[in-house]
Amino acid sequence: MNQYQDTKIIDCVAPTGGATVGVPIIIGGQLVVVPSATVLATKTFAGQLDGIFAIKKATGFAPAVGDIAYFDFVTDKRLENNSALIPIGRYVEAALSAATRAIVLLCPELSMAALATQVLDFNLRPPQGVAATVIYDFIAPCAGEAVSLDLRTNARPSSASGGVVETVTNLTGTVNLLSATNINLESDITNGTTLTPTLSATPANLKWAAGDIVRFAITTDNSDAVCGGGIQHQFKWRRTYA
């Protein structure tokens, strides 16, 4: 037998702020565990990966058996009726609106999927010698949200009499995912250096539903456009739960 340790309990090192017994915590940015002891930061504790727990709950909502349990790890450290939070499991007993604790079955696959960042890599080459638009459509396989966008090129595009810009838009509702109206690919990007455009400061603008299309579009408005070496994109996103 080559079992290293009980897969339900793992040794963890408490992050900044420490760990509190019975209060779910994220370890290594990926795993949600329930500490079996209260310890200070950097101290080791036993964390439970699965099982059924009575966990602090906000009042004002009454979850049913089987509902996804969302936990606020940042502010209130409790279960809340907010699908923008991290899902940690499912309710195994119905809870009253006034209840301050609820019974939850930890489901590691839910939290790991929510915390994992997906990476989409593609190259988009601006139009050459024509006023036109080229596009790359990301069709969302599930509800999700944008995390970051990195752009890189070895030869940026140019246009002596016009411009070369990129937009990033959720076609559902025509929502701009960028903070600015667009990215000026002639001046904003430097050859051989990664550009990380600022995304919208409005959280709702960064989210999409399954089937939504996020369109990356590069437009030139003059026929003297020189496409350069193309723009390499690395778009990071993560799944969300409705």
Protein backbone atom coordinates (compact mmCIF):
# COMPACT_ATOMS: atom_id res chain seq x y z
CA MET A 1 0.00 0.00 0.00
CA ASN A 2 1.45 3.38 -1.01
CA GLN A 3 -1.06 5.76 0.56
CA TYR A 4 0.80 8.83 1.80
CA GLN A 5 -1.91 10.08 4.17
CA ASP A 6 -5.68 10.09 4.62
CA THR A 7 -6.96 11.89 1.52
CA LYS A 8 -9.67 13.57 3.58
CA ILE A 9 -7.13 15.28 5.85
CA ILE A 10 -3.97 17.00 4.64
CA ASP A 11 -1.19 18.90 6.36
CA CYS A 12 -1.40 22.62 5.52
CA VAL A 13 0.57 25.76 6.30
CA ALA A 14 -1.58 28.67 7.45
CA PRO A 15 -1.42 31.70 5.14
CA THR A 16 -1.27 35.35 6.21
CA GLY A 17 -3.93 35.91 8.85
CA GLY A 18 -3.69 32.36 10.17
CA ALA A 19 -6.41 29.71 10.26
CA THR A 20 -9.45 29.35 12.51
CA VAL A 21 -10.91 26.01 13.47
CA GLY A 22 -14.08 25.24 11.53
CA VAL A 23 -13.81 28.23 9.17
CA PRO A 24 -13.08 27.27 5.54
CA ILE A 25 -9.83 28.63 4.12
CA ILE A 26 -8.09 28.60 0.73
CA ILE A 27 -4.67 26.94 0.63
CA GLY A 28 -2.25 27.46 -2.25
CA GLY A 29 -4.83 29.42 -4.21
CA GLN A 30 -6.60 26.20 -5.22
CA LEU A 31 -7.72 24.04 -2.30
CA VAL A 32 -10.52 24.79 0.15
CA VAL A 33 -10.06 23.05 3.50
CA VAL A 34 -11.70 23.26 6.93
CA PRO A 35 -9.02 23.69 9.64
CA SER A 36 -9.13 21.33 12.60
CA ALA A 37 -7.28 23.84 14.80
CA THR A 38 -6.72 27.56 15.19
CA VAL A 39 -3.14 28.51 14.33
CA LEU A 40 -1.08 31.57 13.44
CA ALA A 41 0.31 32.28 9.97
CA THR A 42 3.10 29.91 8.81
CA LYS A 43 2.06 27.27 11.36
CA THR A 44 1.04 23.77 10.27
CA PHE A 45 -2.47 22.47 10.79
CA ALA A 46 -4.62 19.55 9.63
CA GLY A 47 -7.11 20.60 6.97
CA GLN A 48 -10.12 18.54 5.95
CA LEU A 49 -10.75 18.38 2.21
CA ASP A 50 -14.23 16.86 2.33
CA GLY A 51 -16.92 15.88 4.77
CA ILE A 52 -20.08 17.45 6.18
CA PHE A 53 -19.76 20.57 8.34
CA ALA A 54 -21.91 23.08 10.20
CA ILE A 55 -20.70 26.43 8.85
CA LYS A 56 -21.54 30.02 9.76
CA LYS A 57 -24.30 31.42 7.53
CA ALA A 58 -25.64 34.89 6.77
CA THR A 59 -29.32 35.44 7.56
CA GLY A 60 -31.84 36.51 4.94
CA PHE A 61 -31.83 33.48 2.66
CA ALA A 62 -33.12 29.93 2.98
CA PRO A 63 -31.10 27.41 0.94
CA ALA A 64 -32.69 24.12 -0.07
CA VAL A 65 -31.13 20.68 -0.02
CA GLY A 66 -28.74 20.37 -2.96
CA ASP A 67 -28.22 24.10 -3.50
CA ILE A 68 -24.65 25.23 -4.11
CA ALA A 69 -23.08 26.77 -0.98
CA TYR A 70 -21.11 29.98 -1.63
CA PHE A 71 -18.61 31.22 0.93
CA ASP A 72 -17.21 34.71 1.52
CA PHE A 73 -13.50 34.16 2.20
CA VAL A 74 -12.60 37.86 2.22
CA THR A 75 -14.95 39.89 4.40
CA ASP A 76 -17.50 38.05 6.51
CA LYS A 77 -16.11 34.48 6.47
CA ARG A 78 -19.55 32.92 6.15
CA LEU A 79 -22.00 31.32 3.72
CA GLU A 80 -23.89 33.89 1.68
CA ASN A 81 -26.52 34.01 -1.05
CA ASN A 82 -24.10 35.35 -3.66
CA SER A 83 -23.08 33.32 -6.71
CA ALA A 84 -20.14 35.69 -7.30
CA LEU A 85 -18.43 34.06 -4.30
CA ILE A 86 -16.51 30.78 -4.28
CA PRO A 87 -18.66 27.62 -4.23
CA ILE A 88 -17.42 25.21 -1.55
CA GLY A 89 -20.06 22.48 -1.64
CA ARG A 90 -23.77 21.79 -1.40
CA TYR A 91 -26.33 22.13 1.35
CA VAL A 92 -27.36 18.72 2.69
CA GLU A 93 -30.09 20.15 4.92
CA ALA A 94 -32.51 22.99 4.26
CA ALA A 95 -31.80 26.06 6.38
CA LEU A 96 -34.20 28.73 7.59
CA SER A 97 -33.74 32.35 6.57
CA ALA A 98 -33.00 33.27 10.18
CA ALA A 99 -30.49 30.45 10.68
CA THR A 100 -26.92 31.49 11.44
CA ARG A 101 -25.38 28.11 10.61
CA ALA A 102 -26.02 25.60 7.84
CA ILE A 103 -24.97 22.03 7.08
CA VAL A 104 -22.75 21.74 4.01
CA LEU A 105 -21.05 18.86 2.21
CA LEU A 106 -17.66 20.05 0.96
CA CYS A 107 -17.22 19.41 -2.78
CA PRO A 108 -13.57 20.05 -3.75
CA GLU A 109 -14.36 19.83 -7.47
CA LEU A 110 -16.62 22.89 -7.20
CA SER A 111 -14.08 25.13 -5.49
CA MET A 112 -11.14 23.94 -7.59
CA ALA A 113 -13.03 24.60 -10.82
CA ALA A 114 -13.97 28.06 -9.59
CA LEU A 115 -10.45 28.93 -8.47
CA ALA A 116 -8.66 27.50 -11.51
CA THR A 117 -7.67 30.00 -14.20
CA GLN A 118 -8.12 28.95 -17.84
CA VAL A 119 -5.74 30.29 -20.50
CA LEU A 120 -6.69 31.00 -24.11
CA ASP A 121 -3.76 31.60 -26.49
CA PHE A 122 -4.20 32.86 -30.05
CA ASN A 123 -2.56 35.13 -32.63
CA LEU A 124 -4.49 37.85 -34.44
CA ARG A 125 -2.85 39.60 -37.39
CA PRO A 126 -4.10 43.10 -38.32
CA PRO A 127 -5.27 43.74 -41.90
CA GLN A 128 -2.53 44.55 -44.42
CA GLY A 129 -2.99 47.35 -46.99
CA VAL A 130 -6.72 47.72 -46.48
CA ALA A 131 -9.21 49.40 -44.17
CA ALA A 132 -10.85 46.40 -42.55
CA THR A 133 -11.46 44.42 -39.35
CA VAL A 134 -10.20 41.00 -38.35
CA ILE A 135 -11.81 39.12 -35.46
CA TYR A 136 -11.31 36.25 -33.06
CA ASP A 137 -14.45 34.99 -31.31
CA PHE A 138 -14.29 33.20 -27.98
CA ILE A 139 -17.54 31.30 -27.52
CA ALA A 140 -17.93 30.79 -23.78
CA PRO A 141 -18.35 27.10 -22.92
CA CYS A 142 -19.76 28.05 -19.52
CA ALA A 143 -20.50 31.06 -17.36
CA GLY A 144 -17.24 32.81 -16.58
CA GLU A 145 -15.33 36.03 -16.06
CA ALA A 146 -12.22 37.66 -17.48
CA VAL A 147 -9.10 37.69 -15.29
CA SER A 148 -6.46 39.35 -17.47
CA LEU A 149 -5.29 39.92 -21.03
CA ASP A 150 -1.66 39.95 -22.21
CA LEU A 151 -0.60 41.14 -25.67
CA ARG A 152 2.80 40.73 -27.28
CA THR A 153 4.35 41.28 -30.72
CA ASN A 154 7.79 41.37 -32.32
CA ALA A 155 6.69 43.98 -34.90
CA ARG A 156 3.75 46.20 -34.05
CA PRO A 157 1.35 47.36 -36.79
CA SER A 158 1.35 50.87 -38.20
CA SER A 159 -0.63 53.24 -40.39
CA ALA A 160 0.81 56.58 -41.53
CA SER A 161 -2.55 58.14 -42.27
CA GLY A 162 -4.89 56.15 -40.05
CA GLY A 163 -5.00 54.03 -36.95
CA VAL A 164 -4.85 50.41 -35.78
CA VAL A 165 -6.92 49.65 -32.69
CA GLU A 166 -8.28 46.60 -30.88
CA THR A 167 -11.53 46.21 -28.99
CA VAL A 168 -12.68 43.40 -26.67
CA THR A 169 -16.44 43.10 -26.47
CA ASN A 170 -19.05 40.70 -25.12
CA LEU A 171 -21.47 40.74 -28.04
CA THR A 172 -24.36 40.02 -25.69
CA GLY A 173 -25.34 43.55 -24.73
CA THR A 174 -22.28 44.97 -26.52
CA VAL A 175 -20.30 45.21 -23.28
CA ASN A 176 -16.73 46.54 -23.37
CA LEU A 177 -14.36 44.38 -21.29
CA LEU A 178 -11.65 47.04 -21.37
CA SER A 179 -11.24 50.06 -19.13
CA ALA A 180 -10.48 52.24 -22.16
CA THR A 181 -12.54 52.37 -25.35
CA ASN A 182 -9.87 50.42 -27.21
CA ILE A 183 -6.18 49.50 -27.36
CA ASN A 184 -4.03 51.61 -29.70
CA LEU A 185 -1.77 48.97 -31.22
CA GLU A 186 0.49 51.59 -32.79
CA SER A 187 1.42 53.37 -29.56
CA ASP A 188 0.32 51.29 -26.57
CA ILE A 189 2.36 48.20 -27.35
CA THR A 190 6.18 47.96 -27.52
CA ASN A 191 7.95 45.33 -29.61
CA GLY A 192 9.17 42.42 -27.53
CA THR A 193 7.38 43.60 -24.38
CA THR A 194 4.16 42.24 -22.91
CA LEU A 195 1.29 44.72 -22.70
CA THR A 196 -1.40 44.03 -20.09
CA PRO A 197 -4.34 46.32 -20.84
CA THR A 198 -6.48 47.38 -17.88
CA LEU A 199 -9.82 45.59 -17.84
CA SER A 200 -13.10 47.22 -16.91
CA ALA A 201 -13.45 48.27 -13.28
CA THR A 202 -17.11 47.22 -13.40
CA PRO A 203 -17.23 43.55 -12.29
CA ALA A 204 -20.43 42.84 -14.24
CA ASN A 205 -18.71 43.87 -17.49
CA LEU A 206 -16.16 41.07 -17.08
CA LYS A 207 -18.73 38.29 -16.71
CA TRP A 208 -20.54 36.27 -19.34
CA ALA A 209 -23.07 33.47 -19.62
CA ALA A 210 -22.56 30.15 -21.35
CA GLY A 211 -22.81 30.67 -25.10
CA ASP A 212 -21.93 34.37 -25.01
CA ILE A 213 -19.34 35.51 -27.55
CA VAL A 214 -16.35 37.60 -26.49
CA ARG A 215 -15.01 39.22 -29.65
CA PHE A 216 -11.43 40.43 -30.07
CA ALA A 217 -11.41 42.77 -33.07
CA ILE A 218 -8.50 44.64 -34.69
CA THR A 219 -9.51 47.44 -37.03
CA THR A 220 -7.48 49.51 -39.50
CA ASP A 221 -9.13 52.59 -41.02
CA ASN A 222 -6.71 53.30 -43.88
CA SER A 223 -5.36 51.28 -46.79
CA ASP A 224 -1.75 52.15 -45.90
CA ALA A 225 -1.91 49.84 -42.87
CA VAL A 226 1.09 47.56 -42.26
CA CYS A 227 0.12 44.47 -40.26
CA GLY A 228 3.49 43.86 -38.60
CA GLY A 229 4.18 40.54 -36.93
CA GLY A 230 0.73 39.85 -35.58
CA ILE A 231 -0.48 40.20 -32.00
CA GLN A 232 -0.11 37.21 -29.67
CA HIS A 233 -2.92 37.07 -27.12
CA GLN A 234 -3.06 35.30 -23.77
CA PHE A 235 -6.53 35.68 -22.32
CA LYS A 236 -7.04 34.36 -18.79
CA TRP A 237 -10.50 33.61 -17.45
CA ARG A 238 -12.23 31.47 -14.86
CA ARG A 239 -15.51 29.70 -14.53
CA THR A 240 -18.29 31.19 -12.43
CA TYR A 241 -21.44 29.65 -11.03
CA ALA A 242 -24.91 31.07 -11.62
